[in-house]
Amino acid sequence: MSTFTIFLALIIIVAFLLVVVIMVQNPKGGGLSSSFGGGGQQMGGVKKTTDFLDKSTWTLATLLLVLILLSNVTIMDGPSEATRVFESDEPVRTQVPATNTPVQQPVQTDTTN
């Protein structure tokens, strides 16, 4: 398993978590974050939940950016075995199937009247 594959899996996981955290938030306070706790969060827990979701959004976004940049560095370090196949110096030989063109028959005219 290459390092790029590991970075790709981490990027997918962090992107999914970021989508979930963003979907839970609602700037008006009436989103999913307020419905999880019931009436107990109305007294001051909403502010703490909003702070946590805000910090987790920034943290996940920063982590996603760092992972993308690091995966780009691993690609630029050197080609892997899979990309070396495309960069070989040997010419690629392909066979083109022969096309069968129909032979035109001469038109026979009837000269007997």
PDB file of N, CA and C in Angstrom:
ATOM      1  N   MET A   1       0.860  -1.180   0.000  1.00  0.00           N
ATOM      2  CA  MET A   1       0.000   0.000   0.000  1.00  0.00           C
ATOM      3  C   MET A   1       0.898   1.232   0.000  1.00  0.00           C
ATOM      4  N   SER A   2       0.691   2.096  -0.983  1.00  0.00           N
ATOM      5  CA  SER A   2       1.550   3.265  -1.112  1.00  0.00           C
ATOM      6  C   SER A   2       1.101   4.369  -0.155  1.00  0.00           C
ATOM      7  N   THR A   3       1.979   5.332   0.031  1.00  0.00           N
ATOM      8  CA  THR A   3       1.646   6.449   0.924  1.00  0.00           C
ATOM      9  C   THR A   3       0.530   7.300   0.337  1.00  0.00           C
ATOM     10  N   PHE A   4       0.492   7.369  -0.993  1.00  0.00           N
ATOM     11  CA  PHE A   4      -0.589   8.143  -1.612  1.00  0.00           C
ATOM     12  C   PHE A   4      -1.941   7.509  -1.325  1.00  0.00           C
ATOM     13  N   THR A   5      -2.009   6.194  -1.316  1.00  0.00           N
ATOM     14  CA  THR A   5      -3.269   5.507  -1.020  1.00  0.00           C
ATOM     15  C   THR A   5      -3.707   5.776   0.412  1.00  0.00           C
ATOM     16  N   ILE A   6      -2.759   5.811   1.322  1.00  0.00           N
ATOM     17  CA  ILE A   6      -3.074   6.118   2.720  1.00  0.00           C
ATOM     18  C   ILE A   6      -3.589   7.553   2.848  1.00  0.00           C
ATOM     19  N   PHE A   7      -2.900   8.487   2.176  1.00  0.00           N
ATOM     20  CA  PHE A   7      -3.355   9.879   2.210  1.00  0.00           C
ATOM     21  C   PHE A   7      -4.735  10.017   1.580  1.00  0.00           C
ATOM     22  N   LEU A   8      -4.984   9.281   0.513  1.00  0.00           N
ATOM     23  CA  LEU A   8      -6.286   9.347  -0.145  1.00  0.00           C
ATOM     24  C   LEU A   8      -7.399   8.851   0.769  1.00  0.00           C
ATOM     25  N   ALA A   9      -7.150   7.774   1.503  1.00  0.00           N
ATOM     26  CA  ALA A   9      -8.147   7.263   2.445  1.00  0.00           C
ATOM     27  C   ALA A   9      -8.397   8.272   3.569  1.00  0.00           C
ATOM     28  N   LEU A  10      -7.334   8.882   4.077  1.00  0.00           N
ATOM     29  CA  LEU A  10      -7.496   9.892   5.131  1.00  0.00           C
ATOM     30  C   LEU A  10      -8.245  11.125   4.621  1.00  0.00           C
ATOM     31  N   ILE A  11      -7.982  11.523   3.386  1.00  0.00           N
ATOM     32  CA  ILE A  11      -8.670  12.679   2.811  1.00  0.00           C
ATOM     33  C   ILE A  11     -10.163  12.400   2.700  1.00  0.00           C
ATOM     34  N   ILE A  12     -10.522  11.199   2.283  1.00  0.00           N
ATOM     35  CA  ILE A  12     -11.936  10.845   2.153  1.00  0.00           C
ATOM     36  C   ILE A  12     -12.623  10.842   3.515  1.00  0.00           C
ATOM     37  N   ILE A  13     -11.958  10.304   4.527  1.00  0.00           N
ATOM     38  CA  ILE A  13     -12.542  10.259   5.874  1.00  0.00           C
ATOM     39  C   ILE A  13     -12.723  11.671   6.432  1.00  0.00           C
ATOM     40  N   VAL A  14     -11.694  12.508   6.304  1.00  0.00           N
ATOM     41  CA  VAL A  14     -11.775  13.877   6.830  1.00  0.00           C
ATOM     42  C   VAL A  14     -12.828  14.683   6.071  1.00  0.00           C
ATOM     43  N   ALA A  15     -12.932  14.490   4.761  1.00  0.00           N
ATOM     44  CA  ALA A  15     -13.947  15.211   3.984  1.00  0.00           C
ATOM     45  C   ALA A  15     -15.349  14.795   4.415  1.00  0.00           C
ATOM     46  N   PHE A  16     -15.547  13.501   4.667  1.00  0.00           N
ATOM     47  CA  PHE A  16     -16.853  13.037   5.132  1.00  0.00           C
ATOM     48  C   PHE A  16     -17.184  13.641   6.505  1.00  0.00           C
ATOM     49  N   LEU A  17     -16.215  13.645   7.415  1.00  0.00           N
ATOM     50  CA  LEU A  17     -16.444  14.232   8.737  1.00  0.00           C
ATOM     51  C   LEU A  17     -16.738  15.730   8.642  1.00  0.00           C
ATOM     52  N   LEU A  18     -16.050  16.405   7.737  1.00  0.00           N
ATOM     53  CA  LEU A  18     -16.274  17.835   7.557  1.00  0.00           C
ATOM     54  C   LEU A  18     -17.686  18.104   7.039  1.00  0.00           C
ATOM     55  N   VAL A  19     -18.157  17.277   6.125  1.00  0.00           N
ATOM     56  CA  VAL A  19     -19.525  17.434   5.627  1.00  0.00           C
ATOM     57  C   VAL A  19     -20.525  17.218   6.753  1.00  0.00           C
ATOM     58  N   VAL A  20     -20.288  16.206   7.581  1.00  0.00           N
ATOM     59  CA  VAL A  20     -21.207  15.921   8.690  1.00  0.00           C
ATOM     60  C   VAL A  20     -21.241  17.079   9.681  1.00  0.00           C
ATOM     61  N   VAL A  21     -20.076  17.611  10.024  1.00  0.00           N
ATOM     62  CA  VAL A  21     -20.015  18.716  10.994  1.00  0.00           C
ATOM     63  C   VAL A  21     -20.691  19.960  10.432  1.00  0.00           C
ATOM     64  N   ILE A  22     -20.513  20.215   9.145  1.00  0.00           N
ATOM     65  CA  ILE A  22     -21.139  21.394   8.546  1.00  0.00           C
ATOM     66  C   ILE A  22     -22.654  21.221   8.466  1.00  0.00           C
ATOM     67  N   MET A  23     -23.099  20.014   8.177  1.00  0.00           N
ATOM     68  CA  MET A  23     -24.542  19.785   8.091  1.00  0.00           C
ATOM     69  C   MET A  23     -25.231  19.878   9.455  1.00  0.00           C
ATOM     70  N   VAL A  24     -24.508  19.588  10.524  1.00  0.00           N
ATOM     71  CA  VAL A  24     -25.093  19.667  11.860  1.00  0.00           C
ATOM     72  C   VAL A  24     -25.292  21.122  12.275  1.00  0.00           C
ATOM     73  N   GLN A  25     -24.451  22.000  11.771  1.00  0.00           N
ATOM     74  CA  GLN A  25     -24.526  23.403  12.177  1.00  0.00           C
ATOM     75  C   GLN A  25     -25.702  24.107  11.520  1.00  0.00           C
ATOM     76  N   ASN A  26     -26.188  25.100  12.232  1.00  0.00           N
ATOM     77  CA  ASN A  26     -27.186  26.011  11.684  1.00  0.00           C
ATOM     78  C   ASN A  26     -26.921  27.372  12.313  1.00  0.00           C
ATOM     79  N   PRO A  27     -26.683  28.393  11.517  1.00  0.00           N
ATOM     80  CA  PRO A  27     -26.324  29.690  12.100  1.00  0.00           C
ATOM     81  C   PRO A  27     -27.428  30.313  12.948  1.00  0.00           C
ATOM     82  N   LYS A  28     -28.676  29.900  12.792  1.00  0.00           N
ATOM     83  CA  LYS A  28     -29.763  30.472  13.577  1.00  0.00           C
ATOM     84  C   LYS A  28     -29.992  29.722  14.880  1.00  0.00           C
ATOM     85  N   GLY A  29     -29.273  28.662  15.126  1.00  0.00           N
ATOM     86  CA  GLY A  29     -29.411  27.916  16.370  1.00  0.00           C
ATOM     87  C   GLY A  29     -30.544  26.914  16.363  1.00  0.00           C
ATOM     88  N   GLY A  30     -31.206  26.707  15.239  1.00  0.00           N
ATOM     89  CA  GLY A  30     -32.328  25.785  15.198  1.00  0.00           C
ATOM     90  C   GLY A  30     -32.016  24.517  14.429  1.00  0.00           C
ATOM     91  N   GLY A  31     -30.743  24.216  14.240  1.00  0.00           N
ATOM     92  CA  GLY A  31     -30.366  23.054  13.453  1.00  0.00           C
ATOM     93  C   GLY A  31     -30.362  21.781  14.271  1.00  0.00           C
ATOM     94  N   LEU A  32     -29.633  20.811  13.806  1.00  0.00           N
ATOM     95  CA  LEU A  32     -29.568  19.526  14.493  1.00  0.00           C
ATOM     96  C   LEU A  32     -28.884  19.634  15.847  1.00  0.00           C
ATOM     97  N   SER A  33     -27.990  20.600  16.000  1.00  0.00           N
ATOM     98  CA  SER A  33     -27.277  20.722  17.271  1.00  0.00           C
ATOM     99  C   SER A  33     -28.233  21.078  18.418  1.00  0.00           C
ATOM    100  N   SER A  34     -29.277  21.819  18.144  1.00  0.00           N
ATOM    101  CA  SER A  34     -30.202  22.184  19.213  1.00  0.00           C
ATOM    102  C   SER A  34     -31.215  21.078  19.490  1.00  0.00           C
ATOM    103  N   SER A  35     -31.434  20.186  18.546  1.00  0.00           N
ATOM    104  CA  SER A  35     -32.433  19.142  18.766  1.00  0.00           C
ATOM    105  C   SER A  35     -31.855  17.910  19.457  1.00  0.00           C
ATOM    106  N   PHE A  36     -30.546  17.775  19.537  1.00  0.00           N
ATOM    107  CA  PHE A  36     -29.954  16.598  20.177  1.00  0.00           C
ATOM    108  C   PHE A  36     -30.098  16.631  21.694  1.00  0.00           C
ATOM    109  N   GLY A  37     -29.990  17.793  22.275  1.00  0.00           N
ATOM    110  CA  GLY A  37     -29.991  17.873  23.727  1.00  0.00           C
ATOM    111  C   GLY A  37     -31.347  18.114  24.349  1.00  0.00           C
ATOM    112  N   GLY A  38     -32.328  18.453  23.589  1.00  0.00           N
ATOM    113  CA  GLY A  38     -33.645  18.735  24.153  1.00  0.00           C
ATOM    114  C   GLY A  38     -33.694  20.117  24.768  1.00  0.00           C
ATOM    115  N   GLY A  39     -34.422  20.238  25.867  1.00  0.00           N
ATOM    116  CA  GLY A  39     -34.597  21.532  26.519  1.00  0.00           C
ATOM    117  C   GLY A  39     -33.416  21.950  27.360  1.00  0.00           C
ATOM    118  N   GLY A  40     -32.553  21.047  27.734  1.00  0.00           N
ATOM    119  CA  GLY A  40     -31.415  21.377  28.588  1.00  0.00           C
ATOM    120  C   GLY A  40     -30.392  22.257  27.922  1.00  0.00           C
ATOM    121  N   GLN A  41     -30.319  22.210  26.614  1.00  0.00           N
ATOM    122  CA  GLN A  41     -29.330  23.031  25.923  1.00  0.00           C
ATOM    123  C   GLN A  41     -29.813  24.460  25.729  1.00  0.00           C
ATOM    124  N   GLN A  42     -31.046  24.735  25.969  1.00  0.00           N
ATOM    125  CA  GLN A  42     -31.572  26.067  25.766  1.00  0.00           C
ATOM    126  C   GLN A  42     -31.015  27.055  26.784  1.00  0.00           C
ATOM    127  N   MET A  43     -30.493  26.574  27.893  1.00  0.00           N
ATOM    128  CA  MET A  43     -30.039  27.459  28.956  1.00  0.00           C
ATOM    129  C   MET A  43     -28.606  27.939  28.762  1.00  0.00           C
ATOM    130  N   GLY A  44     -27.867  27.428  27.821  1.00  0.00           N
ATOM    131  CA  GLY A  44     -26.480  27.849  27.649  1.00  0.00           C
ATOM    132  C   GLY A  44     -25.643  26.791  26.989  1.00  0.00           C
ATOM    133  N   GLY A  45     -26.182  25.620  26.801  1.00  0.00           N
ATOM    134  CA  GLY A  45     -25.434  24.560  26.140  1.00  0.00           C
ATOM    135  C   GLY A  45     -25.311  24.772  24.649  1.00  0.00           C
ATOM    136  N   VAL A  46     -26.181  25.571  24.064  1.00  0.00           N
ATOM    137  CA  VAL A  46     -26.131  25.809  22.622  1.00  0.00           C
ATOM    138  C   VAL A  46     -24.876  26.577  22.264  1.00  0.00           C
ATOM    139  N   LYS A  47     -24.481  27.504  23.095  1.00  0.00           N
ATOM    140  CA  LYS A  47     -23.280  28.281  22.823  1.00  0.00           C
ATOM    141  C   LYS A  47     -22.047  27.378  22.838  1.00  0.00           C
ATOM    142  N   LYS A  48     -21.989  26.451  23.797  1.00  0.00           N
ATOM    143  CA  LYS A  48     -20.844  25.545  23.863  1.00  0.00           C
ATOM    144  C   LYS A  48     -20.843  24.588  22.678  1.00  0.00           C
ATOM    145  N   THR A  49     -22.019  24.128  22.278  1.00  0.00           N
ATOM    146  CA  THR A  49     -22.107  23.247  21.118  1.00  0.00           C
ATOM    147  C   THR A  49     -21.683  23.986  19.860  1.00  0.00           C
ATOM    148  N   THR A  50     -22.088  25.230  19.725  1.00  0.00           N
ATOM    149  CA  THR A  50     -21.719  26.030  18.562  1.00  0.00           C
ATOM    150  C   THR A  50     -20.224  26.272  18.536  1.00  0.00           C
ATOM    151  N   ASP A  51     -19.615  26.547  19.686  1.00  0.00           N
ATOM    152  CA  ASP A  51     -18.169  26.742  19.752  1.00  0.00           C
ATOM    153  C   ASP A  51     -17.433  25.464  19.362  1.00  0.00           C
ATOM    154  N   PHE A  52     -17.906  24.318  19.853  1.00  0.00           N
ATOM    155  CA  PHE A  52     -17.275  23.046  19.517  1.00  0.00           C
ATOM    156  C   PHE A  52     -17.381  22.759  18.028  1.00  0.00           C
ATOM    157  N   LEU A  53     -18.562  22.980  17.453  1.00  0.00           N
ATOM    158  CA  LEU A  53     -18.741  22.727  16.030  1.00  0.00           C
ATOM    159  C   LEU A  53     -17.928  23.693  15.174  1.00  0.00           C
ATOM    160  N   ASP A  54     -17.810  24.927  15.637  1.00  0.00           N
ATOM    161  CA  ASP A  54     -17.011  25.907  14.909  1.00  0.00           C
ATOM    162  C   ASP A  54     -15.532  25.530  14.934  1.00  0.00           C
ATOM    163  N   LYS A  55     -15.034  25.149  16.087  1.00  0.00           N
ATOM    164  CA  LYS A  55     -13.626  24.752  16.200  1.00  0.00           C
ATOM    165  C   LYS A  55     -13.349  23.465  15.423  1.00  0.00           C
ATOM    166  N   SER A  56     -14.293  22.528  15.467  1.00  0.00           N
ATOM    167  CA  SER A  56     -14.079  21.280  14.740  1.00  0.00           C
ATOM    168  C   SER A  56     -14.137  21.508  13.228  1.00  0.00           C
ATOM    169  N   THR A  57     -14.940  22.458  12.777  1.00  0.00           N
ATOM    170  CA  THR A  57     -14.975  22.775  11.352  1.00  0.00           C
ATOM    171  C   THR A  57     -13.643  23.333  10.889  1.00  0.00           C
ATOM    172  N   TRP A  58     -13.110  24.278  11.641  1.00  0.00           N
ATOM    173  CA  TRP A  58     -11.813  24.858  11.273  1.00  0.00           C
ATOM    174  C   TRP A  58     -10.691  23.824  11.358  1.00  0.00           C
ATOM    175  N   THR A  59     -10.741  22.966  12.380  1.00  0.00           N
ATOM    176  CA  THR A  59      -9.705  21.945  12.530  1.00  0.00           C
ATOM    177  C   THR A  59      -9.754  20.940  11.381  1.00  0.00           C
ATOM    178  N   LEU A  60     -10.951  20.471  11.031  1.00  0.00           N
ATOM    179  CA  LEU A  60     -11.084  19.509   9.937  1.00  0.00           C
ATOM    180  C   LEU A  60     -10.719  20.130   8.590  1.00  0.00           C
ATOM    181  N   ALA A  61     -11.083  21.391   8.392  1.00  0.00           N
ATOM    182  CA  ALA A  61     -10.733  22.060   7.132  1.00  0.00           C
ATOM    183  C   ALA A  61      -9.222  22.231   7.003  1.00  0.00           C
ATOM    184  N   THR A  62      -8.569  22.589   8.097  1.00  0.00           N
ATOM    185  CA  THR A  62      -7.112  22.723   8.085  1.00  0.00           C
ATOM    186  C   THR A  62      -6.448  21.373   7.861  1.00  0.00           C
ATOM    187  N   LEU A  63      -6.947  20.344   8.529  1.00  0.00           N
ATOM    188  CA  LEU A  63      -6.402  19.005   8.362  1.00  0.00           C
ATOM    189  C   LEU A  63      -6.578  18.510   6.923  1.00  0.00           C
ATOM    190  N   LEU A  64      -7.726  18.810   6.326  1.00  0.00           N
ATOM    191  CA  LEU A  64      -7.971  18.420   4.941  1.00  0.00           C
ATOM    192  C   LEU A  64      -6.985  19.112   4.003  1.00  0.00           C
ATOM    193  N   LEU A  65      -6.749  20.383   4.213  1.00  0.00           N
ATOM    194  CA  LEU A  65      -5.799  21.125   3.385  1.00  0.00           C
ATOM    195  C   LEU A  65      -4.384  20.562   3.526  1.00  0.00           C
ATOM    196  N   VAL A  66      -3.968  20.257   4.745  1.00  0.00           N
ATOM    197  CA  VAL A  66      -2.639  19.705   4.976  1.00  0.00           C
ATOM    198  C   VAL A  66      -2.504  18.329   4.326  1.00  0.00           C
ATOM    199  N   LEU A  67      -3.526  17.495   4.446  1.00  0.00           N
ATOM    200  CA  LEU A  67      -3.471  16.169   3.835  1.00  0.00           C
ATOM    201  C   LEU A  67      -3.389  16.252   2.311  1.00  0.00           C
ATOM    202  N   ILE A  68      -4.117  17.183   1.724  1.00  0.00           N
ATOM    203  CA  ILE A  68      -4.059  17.345   0.273  1.00  0.00           C
ATOM    204  C   ILE A  68      -2.673  17.802  -0.160  1.00  0.00           C
ATOM    205  N   LEU A  69      -2.094  18.742   0.566  1.00  0.00           N
ATOM    206  CA  LEU A  69      -0.748  19.206   0.219  1.00  0.00           C
ATOM    207  C   LEU A  69       0.288  18.100   0.398  1.00  0.00           C
ATOM    208  N   LEU A  70       0.173  17.322   1.468  1.00  0.00           N
ATOM    209  CA  LEU A  70       1.121  16.220   1.680  1.00  0.00           C
ATOM    210  C   LEU A  70       0.971  15.130   0.629  1.00  0.00           C
ATOM    211  N   SER A  71      -0.253  14.860   0.198  1.00  0.00           N
ATOM    212  CA  SER A  71      -0.434  13.858  -0.857  1.00  0.00           C
ATOM    213  C   SER A  71       0.156  14.349  -2.169  1.00  0.00           C
ATOM    214  N   ASN A  72       0.086  15.643  -2.403  1.00  0.00           N
ATOM    215  CA  ASN A  72       0.705  16.206  -3.597  1.00  0.00           C
ATOM    216  C   ASN A  72       2.222  16.064  -3.541  1.00  0.00           C
ATOM    217  N   VAL A  73       2.804  16.241  -2.374  1.00  0.00           N
ATOM    218  CA  VAL A  73       4.249  16.081  -2.217  1.00  0.00           C
ATOM    219  C   VAL A  73       4.651  14.630  -2.470  1.00  0.00           C
ATOM    220  N   THR A  74       3.847  13.674  -2.002  1.00  0.00           N
ATOM    221  CA  THR A  74       4.196  12.268  -2.228  1.00  0.00           C
ATOM    222  C   THR A  74       4.087  11.904  -3.702  1.00  0.00           C
ATOM    223  N   ILE A  75       3.201  12.548  -4.427  1.00  0.00           N
ATOM    224  CA  ILE A  75       3.119  12.290  -5.869  1.00  0.00           C
ATOM    225  C   ILE A  75       4.350  12.854  -6.561  1.00  0.00           C
ATOM    226  N   MET A  76       4.799  14.024  -6.146  1.00  0.00           N
ATOM    227  CA  MET A  76       5.918  14.687  -6.803  1.00  0.00           C
ATOM    228  C   MET A  76       7.272  14.077  -6.448  1.00  0.00           C
ATOM    229  N   ASP A  77       7.353  13.288  -5.369  1.00  0.00           N
ATOM    230  CA  ASP A  77       8.634  12.711  -4.963  1.00  0.00           C
ATOM    231  C   ASP A  77       9.206  11.787  -6.030  1.00  0.00           C
ATOM    232  N   GLY A  78       8.416  10.963  -6.575  1.00  0.00           N
ATOM    233  CA  GLY A  78       8.906  10.056  -7.600  1.00  0.00           C
ATOM    234  C   GLY A  78       7.782   9.214  -8.128  1.00  0.00           C
ATOM    235  N   PRO A  79       7.946   8.780  -9.370  1.00  0.00           N
ATOM    236  CA  PRO A  79       6.873   7.969  -9.939  1.00  0.00           C
ATOM    237  C   PRO A  79       6.848   6.577  -9.333  1.00  0.00           C
ATOM    238  N   SER A  80       5.683   6.057  -9.192  1.00  0.00           N
ATOM    239  CA  SER A  80       5.537   4.705  -8.676  1.00  0.00           C
ATOM    240  C   SER A  80       5.643   3.728  -9.834  1.00  0.00           C
ATOM    241  N   GLU A  81       5.536   2.454  -9.529  1.00  0.00           N
ATOM    242  CA  GLU A  81       5.633   1.425 -10.556  1.00  0.00           C
ATOM    243  C   GLU A  81       4.511   1.559 -11.584  1.00  0.00           C
ATOM    244  N   ALA A  82       3.347   1.969 -11.144  1.00  0.00           N
ATOM    245  CA  ALA A  82       2.215   2.070 -12.066  1.00  0.00           C
ATOM    246  C   ALA A  82       2.432   3.169 -13.091  1.00  0.00           C
ATOM    247  N   THR A  83       3.057   4.286 -12.694  1.00  0.00           N
ATOM    248  CA  THR A  83       3.255   5.366 -13.652  1.00  0.00           C
ATOM    249  C   THR A  83       4.465   5.113 -14.540  1.00  0.00           C
ATOM    250  N   ARG A  84       5.391   4.274 -14.126  1.00  0.00           N
ATOM    251  CA  ARG A  84       6.552   3.968 -14.968  1.00  0.00           C
ATOM    252  C   ARG A  84       6.158   3.177 -16.209  1.00  0.00           C
ATOM    253  N   VAL A  85       5.069   2.496 -16.159  1.00  0.00           N
ATOM    254  CA  VAL A  85       4.613   1.745 -17.323  1.00  0.00           C
ATOM    255  C   VAL A  85       4.294   2.698 -18.459  1.00  0.00           C
ATOM    256  N   PHE A  86       3.729   3.834 -18.126  1.00  0.00           N
ATOM    257  CA  PHE A  86       3.347   4.789 -19.148  1.00  0.00           C
ATOM    258  C   PHE A  86       4.535   5.579 -19.674  1.00  0.00           C
ATOM    259  N   GLU A  87       5.640   5.586 -18.970  1.00  0.00           N
ATOM    260  CA  GLU A  87       6.793   6.373 -19.366  1.00  0.00           C
ATOM    261  C   GLU A  87       7.903   5.524 -19.973  1.00  0.00           C
ATOM    262  N   SER A  88       7.617   4.345 -20.456  1.00  0.00           N
ATOM    263  CA  SER A  88       8.652   3.490 -21.017  1.00  0.00           C
ATOM    264  C   SER A  88       9.103   4.041 -22.362  1.00  0.00           C
ATOM    265  N   ASP A  89      10.360   3.719 -22.732  1.00  0.00           N
ATOM    266  CA  ASP A  89      10.931   4.209 -23.978  1.00  0.00           C
ATOM    267  C   ASP A  89      10.602   3.309 -25.161  1.00  0.00           C
ATOM    268  N   GLU A  90      10.069   2.146 -24.897  1.00  0.00           N
ATOM    269  CA  GLU A  90       9.753   1.220 -25.971  1.00  0.00           C
ATOM    270  C   GLU A  90       8.499   1.689 -26.704  1.00  0.00           C
ATOM    271  N   PRO A  91       8.529   1.621 -28.034  1.00  0.00           N
ATOM    272  CA  PRO A  91       7.324   2.015 -28.776  1.00  0.00           C
ATOM    273  C   PRO A  91       6.215   0.980 -28.590  1.00  0.00           C
ATOM    274  N   VAL A  92       5.052   1.457 -28.609  1.00  0.00           N
ATOM    275  CA  VAL A  92       3.899   0.583 -28.456  1.00  0.00           C
ATOM    276  C   VAL A  92       3.510   0.073 -29.832  1.00  0.00           C
ATOM    277  N   ARG A  93       3.426  -1.237 -29.945  1.00  0.00           N
ATOM    278  CA  ARG A  93       3.077  -1.832 -31.229  1.00  0.00           C
ATOM    279  C   ARG A  93       1.627  -2.299 -31.174  1.00  0.00           C
ATOM    280  N   THR A  94       0.883  -1.808 -32.118  1.00  0.00           N
ATOM    281  CA  THR A  94      -0.512  -2.213 -32.201  1.00  0.00           C
ATOM    282  C   THR A  94      -0.777  -2.764 -33.586  1.00  0.00           C
ATOM    283  N   GLN A  95      -1.684  -3.676 -33.677  1.00  0.00           N
ATOM    284  CA  GLN A  95      -2.060  -4.230 -34.967  1.00  0.00           C
ATOM    285  C   GLN A  95      -3.417  -3.668 -35.352  1.00  0.00           C
ATOM    286  N   VAL A  96      -3.460  -3.152 -36.556  1.00  0.00           N
ATOM    287  CA  VAL A  96      -4.707  -2.610 -37.062  1.00  0.00           C
ATOM    288  C   VAL A  96      -5.322  -3.671 -37.962  1.00  0.00           C
ATOM    289  N   PRO A  97      -6.553  -4.035 -37.714  1.00  0.00           N
ATOM    290  CA  PRO A  97      -7.156  -5.061 -38.566  1.00  0.00           C
ATOM    291  C   PRO A  97      -7.341  -4.550 -39.995  1.00  0.00           C
ATOM    292  N   ALA A  98      -7.131  -5.443 -40.940  1.00  0.00           N
ATOM    293  CA  ALA A  98      -7.282  -5.071 -42.340  1.00  0.00           C
ATOM    294  C   ALA A  98      -8.753  -4.843 -42.642  1.00  0.00           C
ATOM    295  N   THR A  99      -8.991  -3.842 -43.432  1.00  0.00           N
ATOM    296  CA  THR A  99     -10.374  -3.555 -43.804  1.00  0.00           C
ATOM    297  C   THR A  99     -10.671  -4.236 -45.128  1.00  0.00           C
ATOM    298  N   ASN A 100     -11.773  -4.872 -45.217  1.00  0.00           N
ATOM    299  CA  ASN A 100     -12.190  -5.539 -46.440  1.00  0.00           C
ATOM    300  C   ASN A 100     -13.088  -4.602 -47.226  1.00  0.00           C
ATOM    301  N   THR A 101     -12.552  -4.106 -48.332  1.00  0.00           N
ATOM    302  CA  THR A 101     -13.355  -3.236 -49.173  1.00  0.00           C
ATOM    303  C   THR A 101     -14.028  -4.088 -50.234  1.00  0.00           C
ATOM    304  N   PRO A 102     -15.262  -3.848 -50.483  1.00  0.00           N
ATOM    305  CA  PRO A 102     -15.946  -4.663 -51.488  1.00  0.00           C
ATOM    306  C   PRO A 102     -15.387  -4.374 -52.885  1.00  0.00           C
ATOM    307  N   VAL A 103     -15.204  -5.426 -53.664  1.00  0.00           N
ATOM    308  CA  VAL A 103     -14.700  -5.291 -55.023  1.00  0.00           C
ATOM    309  C   VAL A 103     -15.882  -4.988 -55.936  1.00  0.00           C
ATOM    310  N   GLN A 104     -15.724  -3.967 -56.740  1.00  0.00           N
ATOM    311  CA  GLN A 104     -16.812  -3.591 -57.633  1.00  0.00           C
ATOM    312  C   GLN A 104     -16.785  -4.463 -58.884  1.00  0.00           C
ATOM    313  N   GLN A 105     -17.897  -5.044 -59.194  1.00  0.00           N
ATOM    314  CA  GLN A 105     -18.054  -5.877 -60.390  1.00  0.00           C
ATOM    315  C   GLN A 105     -18.363  -4.961 -61.571  1.00  0.00           C
ATOM    316  N   PRO A 106     -17.774  -5.276 -62.710  1.00  0.00           N
ATOM    317  CA  PRO A 106     -18.119  -4.456 -63.893  1.00  0.00           C
ATOM    318  C   PRO A 106     -19.581  -4.681 -64.274  1.00  0.00           C
ATOM    319  N   VAL A 107     -20.186  -3.639 -64.701  1.00  0.00           N
ATOM    320  CA  VAL A 107     -21.578  -3.680 -65.093  1.00  0.00           C
ATOM    321  C   VAL A 107     -21.678  -4.310 -66.467  1.00  0.00           C
ATOM    322  N   GLN A 108     -22.484  -5.342 -66.580  1.00  0.00           N
ATOM    323  CA  GLN A 108     -22.650  -6.008 -67.873  1.00  0.00           C
ATOM    324  C   GLN A 108     -23.856  -5.404 -68.589  1.00  0.00           C
ATOM    325  N   THR A 109     -23.615  -5.068 -69.832  1.00  0.00           N
ATOM    326  CA  THR A 109     -24.700  -4.517 -70.627  1.00  0.00           C
ATOM    327  C   THR A 109     -25.151  -5.557 -71.637  1.00  0.00           C
ATOM    328  N   ASP A 110     -26.394  -5.635 -71.846  1.00  0.00           N
ATOM    329  CA  ASP A 110     -26.954  -6.591 -72.798  1.00  0.00           C
ATOM    330  C   ASP A 110     -26.969  -5.942 -74.183  1.00  0.00           C
ATOM    331  N   THR A 111     -26.168  -6.457 -75.121  1.00  0.00           N
ATOM    332  CA  THR A 111     -26.060  -5.870 -76.459  1.00  0.00           C
ATOM    333  C   THR A 111     -26.938  -6.578 -77.473  1.00  0.00           C
ATOM    334  N   THR A 112     -27.643  -7.597 -77.074  1.00  0.00           N
ATOM    335  CA  THR A 112     -28.511  -8.296 -78.010  1.00  0.00           C
ATOM    336  C   THR A 112     -29.886  -7.655 -78.031  1.00  0.00           C
ATOM    337  N   ASN A 113     -30.287  -7.195 -79.178  1.00  0.00           N
ATOM    338  CA  ASN A 113     -31.615  -6.600 -79.321  1.00  0.00           C
ATOM    339  C   ASN A 113     -32.486  -7.413 -80.198  1.00  0.00           C
TER     340      ASN A 113
END
